[in-house]
Amino acid sequence: MALIALQFVLAGYGIFERQFHKADDGWFEPHQAVGYLTILSLIAVLVVSLVTRQGRDTIVRAVVLVVLGILQPLLAGLGADTNPWYGVLHAAVAVAIAGLDGSLIGRGARASAQP
C-alpha cells in the first residue's frame, strides 16, 4: 500500500513538473521505476499466498492483482501514445489495485488477530 500511495504522489509530481517546465524532462521516471517495483511486490504477494497455501479467494485476488499490475505499464504507454483515456484507465486500475491490496491486508490482519 505504501508503494501505491507513493505512486500517486510521484504521478502528481510528474504532471505538475511537466506543466511547470513545459517539457518532458523525465519527470515520470521515478513514477515508472516505483511502478515496476510495485509489480514485483504484487508478484511476491501471489508467491507468498501460494506458498502458504492460502484460501482460493485470497489466491484469486492475488492473481488479479498481478494481472492488473502487468496491465498498468501497457495502459500508461497507450495513454501517452494513442488516447488519453487509456491514461485515465491507468489511474482507475491503480485505484482498483489499491482496493484489492487493502482487502488482502485487512483479511490478513483479521486472520492474524484470531487466536
PDB file of N, CA and C in Angstrom:
ATOM      1  N   MET A   1       0.830  -1.190   0.000  1.00  0.00           N
ATOM      2  CA  MET A   1       0.000   0.000   0.000  1.00  0.00           C
ATOM      3  C   MET A   1       0.878   1.259   0.000  1.00  0.00           C
ATOM      4  N   ALA A   2       2.007   1.208   0.678  1.00  0.00           N
ATOM      5  CA  ALA A   2       2.899   2.370   0.697  1.00  0.00           C
ATOM      6  C   ALA A   2       3.432   2.669  -0.700  1.00  0.00           C
ATOM      7  N   LEU A   3       3.772   1.628  -1.456  1.00  0.00           N
ATOM      8  CA  LEU A   3       4.245   1.846  -2.822  1.00  0.00           C
ATOM      9  C   LEU A   3       3.158   2.444  -3.704  1.00  0.00           C
ATOM     10  N   ILE A   4       1.926   2.002  -3.507  1.00  0.00           N
ATOM     11  CA  ILE A   4       0.821   2.532  -4.305  1.00  0.00           C
ATOM     12  C   ILE A   4       0.586   4.009  -3.966  1.00  0.00           C
ATOM     13  N   ALA A   5       0.632   4.341  -2.694  1.00  0.00           N
ATOM     14  CA  ALA A   5       0.486   5.743  -2.296  1.00  0.00           C
ATOM     15  C   ALA A   5       1.625   6.584  -2.875  1.00  0.00           C
ATOM     16  N   LEU A   6       2.838   6.044  -2.833  1.00  0.00           N
ATOM     17  CA  LEU A   6       3.983   6.751  -3.407  1.00  0.00           C
ATOM     18  C   LEU A   6       3.790   6.953  -4.908  1.00  0.00           C
ATOM     19  N   GLN A   7       3.191   5.980  -5.568  1.00  0.00           N
ATOM     20  CA  GLN A   7       2.921   6.102  -7.000  1.00  0.00           C
ATOM     21  C   GLN A   7       2.019   7.296  -7.305  1.00  0.00           C
ATOM     22  N   PHE A   8       0.986   7.476  -6.511  1.00  0.00           N
ATOM     23  CA  PHE A   8       0.090   8.616  -6.718  1.00  0.00           C
ATOM     24  C   PHE A   8       0.833   9.933  -6.508  1.00  0.00           C
ATOM     25  N   VAL A   9       1.680   9.980  -5.505  1.00  0.00           N
ATOM     26  CA  VAL A   9       2.455  11.195  -5.241  1.00  0.00           C
ATOM     27  C   VAL A   9       3.402  11.479  -6.408  1.00  0.00           C
ATOM     28  N   LEU A  10       4.104  10.455  -6.864  1.00  0.00           N
ATOM     29  CA  LEU A  10       5.056  10.646  -7.961  1.00  0.00           C
ATOM     30  C   LEU A  10       4.352  11.001  -9.272  1.00  0.00           C
ATOM     31  N   ALA A  11       3.181  10.445  -9.507  1.00  0.00           N
ATOM     32  CA  ALA A  11       2.420  10.800 -10.716  1.00  0.00           C
ATOM     33  C   ALA A  11       2.015  12.271 -10.661  1.00  0.00           C
ATOM     34  N   GLY A  12       1.529  12.702  -9.516  1.00  0.00           N
ATOM     35  CA  GLY A  12       1.166  14.112  -9.367  1.00  0.00           C
ATOM     36  C   GLY A  12       2.363  15.018  -9.540  1.00  0.00           C
ATOM     37  N   TYR A  13       3.482  14.623  -8.971  1.00  0.00           N
ATOM     38  CA  TYR A  13       4.706  15.413  -9.127  1.00  0.00           C
ATOM     39  C   TYR A  13       5.089  15.510 -10.600  1.00  0.00           C
ATOM     40  N   GLY A  14       5.044  14.382 -11.297  1.00  0.00           N
ATOM     41  CA  GLY A  14       5.389  14.374 -12.716  1.00  0.00           C
ATOM     42  C   GLY A  14       4.493  15.269 -13.538  1.00  0.00           C
ATOM     43  N   ILE A  15       3.210  15.223 -13.261  1.00  0.00           N
ATOM     44  CA  ILE A  15       2.252  16.048 -14.008  1.00  0.00           C
ATOM     45  C   ILE A  15       2.528  17.533 -13.772  1.00  0.00           C
ATOM     46  N   PHE A  16       2.692  17.923 -12.526  1.00  0.00           N
ATOM     47  CA  PHE A  16       2.865  19.337 -12.239  1.00  0.00           C
ATOM     48  C   PHE A  16       4.254  19.845 -12.620  1.00  0.00           C
ATOM     49  N   GLU A  17       5.259  18.996 -12.543  1.00  0.00           N
ATOM     50  CA  GLU A  17       6.587  19.398 -13.008  1.00  0.00           C
ATOM     51  C   GLU A  17       6.585  19.597 -14.513  1.00  0.00           C
ATOM     52  N   ARG A  18       5.937  18.695 -15.226  1.00  0.00           N
ATOM     53  CA  ARG A  18       5.844  18.830 -16.686  1.00  0.00           C
ATOM     54  C   ARG A  18       5.118  20.124 -17.041  1.00  0.00           C
ATOM     55  N   GLN A  19       4.060  20.424 -16.315  1.00  0.00           N
ATOM     56  CA  GLN A  19       3.298  21.650 -16.555  1.00  0.00           C
ATOM     57  C   GLN A  19       4.151  22.881 -16.266  1.00  0.00           C
ATOM     58  N   PHE A  20       4.923  22.831 -15.191  1.00  0.00           N
ATOM     59  CA  PHE A  20       5.742  23.965 -14.783  1.00  0.00           C
ATOM     60  C   PHE A  20       6.868  24.216 -15.782  1.00  0.00           C
ATOM     61  N   HIS A  21       7.532  23.147 -16.231  1.00  0.00           N
ATOM     62  CA  HIS A  21       8.678  23.280 -17.128  1.00  0.00           C
ATOM     63  C   HIS A  21       8.298  23.276 -18.607  1.00  0.00           C
ATOM     64  N   LYS A  22       7.043  22.963 -18.902  1.00  0.00           N
ATOM     65  CA  LYS A  22       6.547  22.936 -20.287  1.00  0.00           C
ATOM     66  C   LYS A  22       7.371  22.004 -21.176  1.00  0.00           C
ATOM     67  N   ALA A  23       7.924  20.954 -20.595  1.00  0.00           N
ATOM     68  CA  ALA A  23       8.712  19.991 -21.378  1.00  0.00           C
ATOM     69  C   ALA A  23       8.712  18.661 -20.656  1.00  0.00           C
ATOM     70  N   ASP A  24       8.977  17.619 -21.392  1.00  0.00           N
ATOM     71  CA  ASP A  24       9.093  16.286 -20.795  1.00  0.00           C
ATOM     72  C   ASP A  24      10.568  16.007 -20.534  1.00  0.00           C
ATOM     73  N   ASP A  25      10.995  16.290 -19.333  1.00  0.00           N
ATOM     74  CA  ASP A  25      12.394  16.115 -18.963  1.00  0.00           C
ATOM     75  C   ASP A  25      12.613  14.900 -18.078  1.00  0.00           C
ATOM     76  N   GLY A  26      11.775  13.892 -18.242  1.00  0.00           N
ATOM     77  CA  GLY A  26      11.948  12.676 -17.460  1.00  0.00           C
ATOM     78  C   GLY A  26      11.326  12.725 -16.082  1.00  0.00           C
ATOM     79  N   TRP A  27      10.341  13.592 -15.899  1.00  0.00           N
ATOM     80  CA  TRP A  27       9.747  13.735 -14.574  1.00  0.00           C
ATOM     81  C   TRP A  27       8.941  12.514 -14.158  1.00  0.00           C
ATOM     82  N   PHE A  28       8.576  11.672 -15.120  1.00  0.00           N
ATOM     83  CA  PHE A  28       7.799  10.477 -14.775  1.00  0.00           C
ATOM     84  C   PHE A  28       8.677   9.257 -14.530  1.00  0.00           C
ATOM     85  N   GLU A  29       9.982   9.391 -14.690  1.00  0.00           N
ATOM     86  CA  GLU A  29      10.859   8.238 -14.490  1.00  0.00           C
ATOM     87  C   GLU A  29      10.785   7.662 -13.072  1.00  0.00           C
ATOM     88  N   PRO A  30      10.743   8.480 -12.023  1.00  0.00           N
ATOM     89  CA  PRO A  30      10.591   7.898 -10.681  1.00  0.00           C
ATOM     90  C   PRO A  30       9.262   7.134 -10.539  1.00  0.00           C
ATOM     91  N   HIS A  31       8.191   7.682 -11.114  1.00  0.00           N
ATOM     92  CA  HIS A  31       6.888   7.010 -11.085  1.00  0.00           C
ATOM     93  C   HIS A  31       6.992   5.652 -11.793  1.00  0.00           C
ATOM     94  N   GLN A  32       7.649   5.644 -12.921  1.00  0.00           N
ATOM     95  CA  GLN A  32       7.808   4.406 -13.682  1.00  0.00           C
ATOM     96  C   GLN A  32       8.652   3.392 -12.906  1.00  0.00           C
ATOM     97  N   ALA A  33       9.739   3.821 -12.312  1.00  0.00           N
ATOM     98  CA  ALA A  33      10.613   2.918 -11.568  1.00  0.00           C
ATOM     99  C   ALA A  33       9.890   2.301 -10.369  1.00  0.00           C
ATOM    100  N   VAL A  34       9.181   3.122  -9.620  1.00  0.00           N
ATOM    101  CA  VAL A  34       8.434   2.598  -8.468  1.00  0.00           C
ATOM    102  C   VAL A  34       7.289   1.712  -8.951  1.00  0.00           C
ATOM    103  N   GLY A  35       6.754   2.004 -10.129  1.00  0.00           N
ATOM    104  CA  GLY A  35       5.706   1.155 -10.702  1.00  0.00           C
ATOM    105  C   GLY A  35       6.194  -0.262 -10.932  1.00  0.00           C
ATOM    106  N   TYR A  36       7.384  -0.391 -11.499  1.00  0.00           N
ATOM    107  CA  TYR A  36       7.928  -1.735 -11.715  1.00  0.00           C
ATOM    108  C   TYR A  36       8.236  -2.434 -10.393  1.00  0.00           C
ATOM    109  N   LEU A  37       8.683  -1.677  -9.408  1.00  0.00           N
ATOM    110  CA  LEU A  37       8.898  -2.239  -8.068  1.00  0.00           C
ATOM    111  C   LEU A  37       7.572  -2.699  -7.462  1.00  0.00           C
ATOM    112  N   THR A  38       6.520  -1.940  -7.706  1.00  0.00           N
ATOM    113  CA  THR A  38       5.191  -2.310  -7.217  1.00  0.00           C
ATOM    114  C   THR A  38       4.723  -3.607  -7.855  1.00  0.00           C
ATOM    115  N   ILE A  39       4.954  -3.759  -9.157  1.00  0.00           N
ATOM    116  CA  ILE A  39       4.572  -5.000  -9.842  1.00  0.00           C
ATOM    117  C   ILE A  39       5.317  -6.181  -9.228  1.00  0.00           C
ATOM    118  N   LEU A  40       6.602  -6.011  -8.948  1.00  0.00           N
ATOM    119  CA  LEU A  40       7.363  -7.090  -8.302  1.00  0.00           C
ATOM    120  C   LEU A  40       6.788  -7.425  -6.934  1.00  0.00           C
ATOM    121  N   SER A  41       6.350  -6.410  -6.196  1.00  0.00           N
ATOM    122  CA  SER A  41       5.770  -6.678  -4.874  1.00  0.00           C
ATOM    123  C   SER A  41       4.440  -7.414  -5.001  1.00  0.00           C
ATOM    124  N   LEU A  42       3.667  -7.123  -6.070  1.00  0.00           N
ATOM    125  CA  LEU A  42       2.407  -7.834  -6.287  1.00  0.00           C
ATOM    126  C   LEU A  42       2.672  -9.298  -6.633  1.00  0.00           C
ATOM    127  N   ILE A  43       3.714  -9.531  -7.400  1.00  0.00           N
ATOM    128  CA  ILE A  43       4.105 -10.911  -7.704  1.00  0.00           C
ATOM    129  C   ILE A  43       4.528 -11.624  -6.425  1.00  0.00           C
ATOM    130  N   ALA A  44       5.223 -10.916  -5.546  1.00  0.00           N
ATOM    131  CA  ALA A  44       5.628 -11.504  -4.267  1.00  0.00           C
ATOM    132  C   ALA A  44       4.413 -11.869  -3.425  1.00  0.00           C
ATOM    133  N   VAL A  45       3.380 -11.030  -3.450  1.00  0.00           N
ATOM    134  CA  VAL A  45       2.145 -11.333  -2.715  1.00  0.00           C
ATOM    135  C   VAL A  45       1.541 -12.637  -3.241  1.00  0.00           C
ATOM    136  N   LEU A  46       1.526 -12.795  -4.561  1.00  0.00           N
ATOM    137  CA  LEU A  46       0.995 -14.034  -5.150  1.00  0.00           C
ATOM    138  C   LEU A  46       1.831 -15.233  -4.742  1.00  0.00           C
ATOM    139  N   VAL A  47       3.138 -15.120  -4.799  1.00  0.00           N
ATOM    140  CA  VAL A  47       4.014 -16.236  -4.429  1.00  0.00           C
ATOM    141  C   VAL A  47       3.802 -16.613  -2.971  1.00  0.00           C
ATOM    142  N   VAL A  48       3.737 -15.613  -2.097  1.00  0.00           N
ATOM    143  CA  VAL A  48       3.531 -15.895  -0.669  1.00  0.00           C
ATOM    144  C   VAL A  48       2.177 -16.560  -0.445  1.00  0.00           C
ATOM    145  N   SER A  49       1.142 -16.087  -1.146  1.00  0.00           N
ATOM    146  CA  SER A  49      -0.181 -16.695  -0.953  1.00  0.00           C
ATOM    147  C   SER A  49      -0.207 -18.138  -1.454  1.00  0.00           C
ATOM    148  N   LEU A  50       0.557 -18.429  -2.501  1.00  0.00           N
ATOM    149  CA  LEU A  50       0.622 -19.808  -2.995  1.00  0.00           C
ATOM    150  C   LEU A  50       1.445 -20.699  -2.063  1.00  0.00           C
ATOM    151  N   VAL A  51       2.598 -20.206  -1.625  1.00  0.00           N
ATOM    152  CA  VAL A  51       3.490 -20.997  -0.767  1.00  0.00           C
ATOM    153  C   VAL A  51       2.850 -21.281   0.587  1.00  0.00           C
ATOM    154  N   THR A  52       2.117 -20.317   1.114  1.00  0.00           N
ATOM    155  CA  THR A  52       1.495 -20.502   2.426  1.00  0.00           C
ATOM    156  C   THR A  52       0.120 -21.152   2.333  1.00  0.00           C
ATOM    157  N   ARG A  53      -0.245 -21.562   1.129  1.00  0.00           N
ATOM    158  CA  ARG A  53      -1.499 -22.284   0.884  1.00  0.00           C
ATOM    159  C   ARG A  53      -2.720 -21.548   1.443  1.00  0.00           C
ATOM    160  N   GLN A  54      -2.824 -20.295   1.020  1.00  0.00           N
ATOM    161  CA  GLN A  54      -3.978 -19.503   1.418  1.00  0.00           C
ATOM    162  C   GLN A  54      -5.227 -20.037   0.716  1.00  0.00           C
ATOM    163  N   GLY A  55      -6.358 -19.560   1.121  1.00  0.00           N
ATOM    164  CA  GLY A  55      -7.612 -19.996   0.523  1.00  0.00           C
ATOM    165  C   GLY A  55      -7.740 -19.532  -0.923  1.00  0.00           C
ATOM    166  N   ARG A  56      -8.674 -20.142  -1.613  1.00  0.00           N
ATOM    167  CA  ARG A  56      -8.867 -19.853  -3.035  1.00  0.00           C
ATOM    168  C   ARG A  56      -9.158 -18.375  -3.274  1.00  0.00           C
ATOM    169  N   ASP A  57      -9.992 -17.775  -2.436  1.00  0.00           N
ATOM    170  CA  ASP A  57     -10.352 -16.373  -2.601  1.00  0.00           C
ATOM    171  C   ASP A  57      -9.117 -15.473  -2.530  1.00  0.00           C
ATOM    172  N   THR A  58      -8.235 -15.748  -1.606  1.00  0.00           N
ATOM    173  CA  THR A  58      -7.017 -14.952  -1.464  1.00  0.00           C
ATOM    174  C   THR A  58      -6.115 -15.124  -2.681  1.00  0.00           C
ATOM    175  N   ILE A  59      -5.978 -16.338  -3.147  1.00  0.00           N
ATOM    176  CA  ILE A  59      -5.128 -16.596  -4.309  1.00  0.00           C
ATOM    177  C   ILE A  59      -5.704 -15.938  -5.559  1.00  0.00           C
ATOM    178  N   VAL A  60      -7.017 -16.013  -5.726  1.00  0.00           N
ATOM    179  CA  VAL A  60      -7.648 -15.370  -6.885  1.00  0.00           C
ATOM    180  C   VAL A  60      -7.412 -13.861  -6.837  1.00  0.00           C
ATOM    181  N   ARG A  61      -7.562 -13.264  -5.669  1.00  0.00           N
ATOM    182  CA  ARG A  61      -7.311 -11.826  -5.539  1.00  0.00           C
ATOM    183  C   ARG A  61      -5.862 -11.493  -5.862  1.00  0.00           C
ATOM    184  N   ALA A  62      -4.944 -12.341  -5.414  1.00  0.00           N
ATOM    185  CA  ALA A  62      -3.523 -12.105  -5.697  1.00  0.00           C
ATOM    186  C   ALA A  62      -3.238 -12.230  -7.196  1.00  0.00           C
ATOM    187  N   VAL A  63      -3.877 -13.181  -7.864  1.00  0.00           N
ATOM    188  CA  VAL A  63      -3.706 -13.318  -9.312  1.00  0.00           C
ATOM    189  C   VAL A  63      -4.246 -12.081 -10.025  1.00  0.00           C
ATOM    190  N   VAL A  64      -5.413 -11.620  -9.611  1.00  0.00           N
ATOM    191  CA  VAL A  64      -5.997 -10.419 -10.217  1.00  0.00           C
ATOM    192  C   VAL A  64      -5.074  -9.223 -10.001  1.00  0.00           C
ATOM    193  N   LEU A  65      -4.474  -9.116  -8.826  1.00  0.00           N
ATOM    194  CA  LEU A  65      -3.517  -8.033  -8.569  1.00  0.00           C
ATOM    195  C   LEU A  65      -2.364  -8.070  -9.565  1.00  0.00           C
ATOM    196  N   VAL A  66      -1.818  -9.251  -9.792  1.00  0.00           N
ATOM    197  CA  VAL A  66      -0.689  -9.382 -10.721  1.00  0.00           C
ATOM    198  C   VAL A  66      -1.123  -9.013 -12.139  1.00  0.00           C
ATOM    199  N   VAL A  67      -2.275  -9.502 -12.567  1.00  0.00           N
ATOM    200  CA  VAL A  67      -2.759  -9.193 -13.916  1.00  0.00           C
ATOM    201  C   VAL A  67      -2.960  -7.682 -14.070  1.00  0.00           C
ATOM    202  N   LEU A  68      -3.594  -7.050 -13.093  1.00  0.00           N
ATOM    203  CA  LEU A  68      -3.799  -5.606 -13.155  1.00  0.00           C
ATOM    204  C   LEU A  68      -2.465  -4.857 -13.132  1.00  0.00           C
ATOM    205  N   GLY A  69      -1.536  -5.356 -12.336  1.00  0.00           N
ATOM    206  CA  GLY A  69      -0.213  -4.728 -12.277  1.00  0.00           C
ATOM    207  C   GLY A  69       0.511  -4.801 -13.613  1.00  0.00           C
ATOM    208  N   ILE A  70       0.402  -5.930 -14.283  1.00  0.00           N
ATOM    209  CA  ILE A  70       1.049  -6.091 -15.589  1.00  0.00           C
ATOM    210  C   ILE A  70       0.376  -5.202 -16.640  1.00  0.00           C
ATOM    211  N   LEU A  71      -0.929  -4.972 -16.499  1.00  0.00           N
ATOM    212  CA  LEU A  71      -1.639  -4.095 -17.431  1.00  0.00           C
ATOM    213  C   LEU A  71      -1.230  -2.625 -17.289  1.00  0.00           C
ATOM    214  N   GLN A  72      -0.798  -2.237 -16.106  1.00  0.00           N
ATOM    215  CA  GLN A  72      -0.531  -0.832 -15.830  1.00  0.00           C
ATOM    216  C   GLN A  72       0.455  -0.176 -16.801  1.00  0.00           C
ATOM    217  N   PRO A  73       1.643  -0.748 -17.042  1.00  0.00           N
ATOM    218  CA  PRO A  73       2.548  -0.079 -17.981  1.00  0.00           C
ATOM    219  C   PRO A  73       1.990  -0.047 -19.408  1.00  0.00           C
ATOM    220  N   LEU A  74       1.215  -1.069 -19.758  1.00  0.00           N
ATOM    221  CA  LEU A  74       0.606  -1.078 -21.093  1.00  0.00           C
ATOM    222  C   LEU A  74      -0.397   0.061 -21.234  1.00  0.00           C
ATOM    223  N   LEU A  75      -1.233   0.238 -20.219  1.00  0.00           N
ATOM    224  CA  LEU A  75      -2.214   1.326 -20.247  1.00  0.00           C
ATOM    225  C   LEU A  75      -1.533   2.692 -20.243  1.00  0.00           C
ATOM    226  N   ALA A  76      -0.467   2.814 -19.481  1.00  0.00           N
ATOM    227  CA  ALA A  76       0.255   4.090 -19.440  1.00  0.00           C
ATOM    228  C   ALA A  76       0.852   4.406 -20.802  1.00  0.00           C
ATOM    229  N   GLY A  77       1.435   3.410 -21.448  1.00  0.00           N
ATOM    230  CA  GLY A  77       2.014   3.618 -22.771  1.00  0.00           C
ATOM    231  C   GLY A  77       0.961   3.985 -23.802  1.00  0.00           C
ATOM    232  N   LEU A  78      -0.173   3.287 -23.752  1.00  0.00           N
ATOM    233  CA  LEU A  78      -1.260   3.609 -24.677  1.00  0.00           C
ATOM    234  C   LEU A  78      -1.801   5.011 -24.425  1.00  0.00           C
ATOM    235  N   GLY A  79      -1.872   5.381 -23.151  1.00  0.00           N
ATOM    236  CA  GLY A  79      -2.357   6.717 -22.814  1.00  0.00           C
ATOM    237  C   GLY A  79      -1.434   7.810 -23.315  1.00  0.00           C
ATOM    238  N   ALA A  80      -0.138   7.548 -23.291  1.00  0.00           N
ATOM    239  CA  ALA A  80       0.828   8.543 -23.757  1.00  0.00           C
ATOM    240  C   ALA A  80       0.922   8.574 -25.280  1.00  0.00           C
ATOM    241  N   ASP A  81       0.709   7.421 -25.926  1.00  0.00           N
ATOM    242  CA  ASP A  81       0.953   7.321 -27.360  1.00  0.00           C
ATOM    243  C   ASP A  81      -0.293   7.382 -28.242  1.00  0.00           C
ATOM    244  N   THR A  82      -1.457   6.993 -27.699  1.00  0.00           N
ATOM    245  CA  THR A  82      -2.620   6.903 -28.580  1.00  0.00           C
ATOM    246  C   THR A  82      -3.780   7.776 -28.116  1.00  0.00           C
ATOM    247  N   ASN A  83      -4.317   7.475 -26.944  1.00  0.00           N
ATOM    248  CA  ASN A  83      -5.520   8.152 -26.488  1.00  0.00           C
ATOM    249  C   ASN A  83      -5.409   8.393 -24.984  1.00  0.00           C
ATOM    250  N   PRO A  84      -5.650   9.613 -24.515  1.00  0.00           N
ATOM    251  CA  PRO A  84      -5.515   9.894 -23.081  1.00  0.00           C
ATOM    252  C   PRO A  84      -6.474   9.101 -22.203  1.00  0.00           C
ATOM    253  N   TRP A  85      -7.547   8.565 -22.770  1.00  0.00           N
ATOM    254  CA  TRP A  85      -8.474   7.776 -21.956  1.00  0.00           C
ATOM    255  C   TRP A  85      -7.814   6.510 -21.428  1.00  0.00           C
ATOM    256  N   TYR A  86      -6.809   6.002 -22.129  1.00  0.00           N
ATOM    257  CA  TYR A  86      -6.057   4.865 -21.581  1.00  0.00           C
ATOM    258  C   TYR A  86      -5.309   5.292 -20.322  1.00  0.00           C
ATOM    259  N   GLY A  87      -4.839   6.520 -20.309  1.00  0.00           N
ATOM    260  CA  GLY A  87      -4.198   7.056 -19.108  1.00  0.00           C
ATOM    261  C   GLY A  87      -5.179   7.182 -17.959  1.00  0.00           C
ATOM    262  N   VAL A  88      -6.404   7.576 -18.282  1.00  0.00           N
ATOM    263  CA  VAL A  88      -7.453   7.639 -17.260  1.00  0.00           C
ATOM    264  C   VAL A  88      -7.725   6.240 -16.719  1.00  0.00           C
ATOM    265  N   LEU A  89      -7.780   5.267 -17.607  1.00  0.00           N
ATOM    266  CA  LEU A  89      -7.984   3.876 -17.193  1.00  0.00           C
ATOM    267  C   LEU A  89      -6.804   3.395 -16.344  1.00  0.00           C
ATOM    268  N   HIS A  90      -5.604   3.853 -16.676  1.00  0.00           N
ATOM    269  CA  HIS A  90      -4.406   3.536 -15.892  1.00  0.00           C
ATOM    270  C   HIS A  90      -4.599   3.988 -14.436  1.00  0.00           C
ATOM    271  N   ALA A  91      -5.124   5.183 -14.249  1.00  0.00           N
ATOM    272  CA  ALA A  91      -5.372   5.694 -12.895  1.00  0.00           C
ATOM    273  C   ALA A  91      -6.483   4.913 -12.201  1.00  0.00           C
ATOM    274  N   ALA A  92      -7.542   4.571 -12.940  1.00  0.00           N
ATOM    275  CA  ALA A  92      -8.649   3.807 -12.350  1.00  0.00           C
ATOM    276  C   ALA A  92      -8.188   2.414 -11.923  1.00  0.00           C
ATOM    277  N   VAL A  93      -7.354   1.794 -12.726  1.00  0.00           N
ATOM    278  CA  VAL A  93      -6.830   0.471 -12.368  1.00  0.00           C
ATOM    279  C   VAL A  93      -5.940   0.576 -11.132  1.00  0.00           C
ATOM    280  N   ALA A  94      -5.226   1.676 -11.003  1.00  0.00           N
ATOM    281  CA  ALA A  94      -4.409   1.875  -9.793  1.00  0.00           C
ATOM    282  C   ALA A  94      -5.283   1.916  -8.545  1.00  0.00           C
ATOM    283  N   VAL A  95      -6.433   2.552  -8.650  1.00  0.00           N
ATOM    284  CA  VAL A  95      -7.366   2.586  -7.517  1.00  0.00           C
ATOM    285  C   VAL A  95      -7.880   1.180  -7.222  1.00  0.00           C
ATOM    286  N   ALA A  96      -8.176   0.411  -8.268  1.00  0.00           N
ATOM    287  CA  ALA A  96      -8.630  -0.977  -8.080  1.00  0.00           C
ATOM    288  C   ALA A  96      -7.539  -1.812  -7.410  1.00  0.00           C
ATOM    289  N   ILE A  97      -6.299  -1.617  -7.830  1.00  0.00           N
ATOM    290  CA  ILE A  97      -5.180  -2.336  -7.210  1.00  0.00           C
ATOM    291  C   ILE A  97      -5.084  -1.981  -5.732  1.00  0.00           C
ATOM    292  N   ALA A  98      -5.212  -0.706  -5.419  1.00  0.00           N
ATOM    293  CA  ALA A  98      -5.153  -0.280  -4.011  1.00  0.00           C
ATOM    294  C   ALA A  98      -6.283  -0.913  -3.209  1.00  0.00           C
ATOM    295  N   GLY A  99      -7.479  -0.971  -3.781  1.00  0.00           N
ATOM    296  CA  GLY A  99      -8.605  -1.583  -3.083  1.00  0.00           C
ATOM    297  C   GLY A  99      -8.402  -3.071  -2.839  1.00  0.00           C
ATOM    298  N   LEU A 100      -7.951  -3.779  -3.868  1.00  0.00           N
ATOM    299  CA  LEU A 100      -7.694  -5.218  -3.706  1.00  0.00           C
ATOM    300  C   LEU A 100      -6.583  -5.465  -2.699  1.00  0.00           C
ATOM    301  N   ASP A 101      -5.536  -4.668  -2.794  1.00  0.00           N
ATOM    302  CA  ASP A 101      -4.418  -4.816  -1.867  1.00  0.00           C
ATOM    303  C   ASP A 101      -4.877  -4.550  -0.434  1.00  0.00           C
ATOM    304  N   GLY A 102      -5.683  -3.525  -0.274  1.00  0.00           N
ATOM    305  CA  GLY A 102      -6.213  -3.221   1.057  1.00  0.00           C
ATOM    306  C   GLY A 102      -7.094  -4.329   1.600  1.00  0.00           C
ATOM    307  N   SER A 103      -7.882  -4.948   0.712  1.00  0.00           N
ATOM    308  CA  SER A 103      -8.731  -6.049   1.179  1.00  0.00           C
ATOM    309  C   SER A 103      -7.885  -7.248   1.608  1.00  0.00           C
ATOM    310  N   LEU A 104      -6.795  -7.496   0.906  1.00  0.00           N
ATOM    311  CA  LEU A 104      -5.899  -8.593   1.320  1.00  0.00           C
ATOM    312  C   LEU A 104      -5.207  -8.277   2.643  1.00  0.00           C
ATOM    313  N   ILE A 105      -4.809  -7.032   2.812  1.00  0.00           N
ATOM    314  CA  ILE A 105      -4.176  -6.635   4.074  1.00  0.00           C
ATOM    315  C   ILE A 105      -5.171  -6.785   5.220  1.00  0.00           C
ATOM    316  N   GLY A 106      -6.406  -6.321   5.003  1.00  0.00           N
ATOM    317  CA  GLY A 106      -7.431  -6.453   6.040  1.00  0.00           C
ATOM    318  C   GLY A 106      -7.723  -7.895   6.381  1.00  0.00           C
ATOM    319  N   ARG A 107      -7.807  -8.735   5.361  1.00  0.00           N
ATOM    320  CA  ARG A 107      -8.054 -10.159   5.579  1.00  0.00           C
ATOM    321  C   ARG A 107      -6.918 -10.785   6.397  1.00  0.00           C
ATOM    322  N   GLY A 108      -5.687 -10.427   6.053  1.00  0.00           N
ATOM    323  CA  GLY A 108      -4.544 -10.961   6.801  1.00  0.00           C
ATOM    324  C   GLY A 108      -4.511 -10.471   8.226  1.00  0.00           C
ATOM    325  N   ALA A 109      -4.859  -9.211   8.429  1.00  0.00           N
ATOM    326  CA  ALA A 109      -4.878  -8.646   9.782  1.00  0.00           C
ATOM    327  C   ALA A 109      -5.932  -9.328  10.639  1.00  0.00           C
ATOM    328  N   ARG A 110      -7.118  -9.562  10.055  1.00  0.00           N
ATOM    329  CA  ARG A 110      -8.167 -10.251  10.806  1.00  0.00           C
ATOM    330  C   ARG A 110      -7.771 -11.692  11.124  1.00  0.00           C
ATOM    331  N   ALA A 111      -7.140 -12.349  10.173  1.00  0.00           N
ATOM    332  CA  ALA A 111      -6.736 -13.748  10.396  1.00  0.00           C
ATOM    333  C   ALA A 111      -5.653 -13.837  11.473  1.00  0.00           C
ATOM    334  N   SER A 112      -4.737 -12.887  11.493  1.00  0.00           N
ATOM    335  CA  SER A 112      -3.678 -12.941  12.494  1.00  0.00           C
ATOM    336  C   SER A 112      -4.161 -12.523  13.879  1.00  0.00           C
ATOM    337  N   ALA A 113      -5.274 -11.805  13.952  1.00  0.00           N
ATOM    338  CA  ALA A 113      -5.820 -11.381  15.244  1.00  0.00           C
ATOM    339  C   ALA A 113      -6.619 -12.484  15.915  1.00  0.00           C
ATOM    340  N   GLN A 114      -7.040 -13.477  15.159  1.00  0.00           N
ATOM    341  CA  GLN A 114      -7.811 -14.579  15.739  1.00  0.00           C
ATOM    342  C   GLN A 114      -6.875 -15.533  16.469  1.00  0.00           C
ATOM    343  N   PRO A 115      -7.321 -16.001  17.656  1.00  0.00           N
ATOM    344  CA  PRO A 115      -6.459 -16.921  18.429  1.00  0.00           C
ATOM    345  C   PRO A 115      -6.319 -18.273  17.796  1.00  0.00           C
TER     346      PRO A 115
END
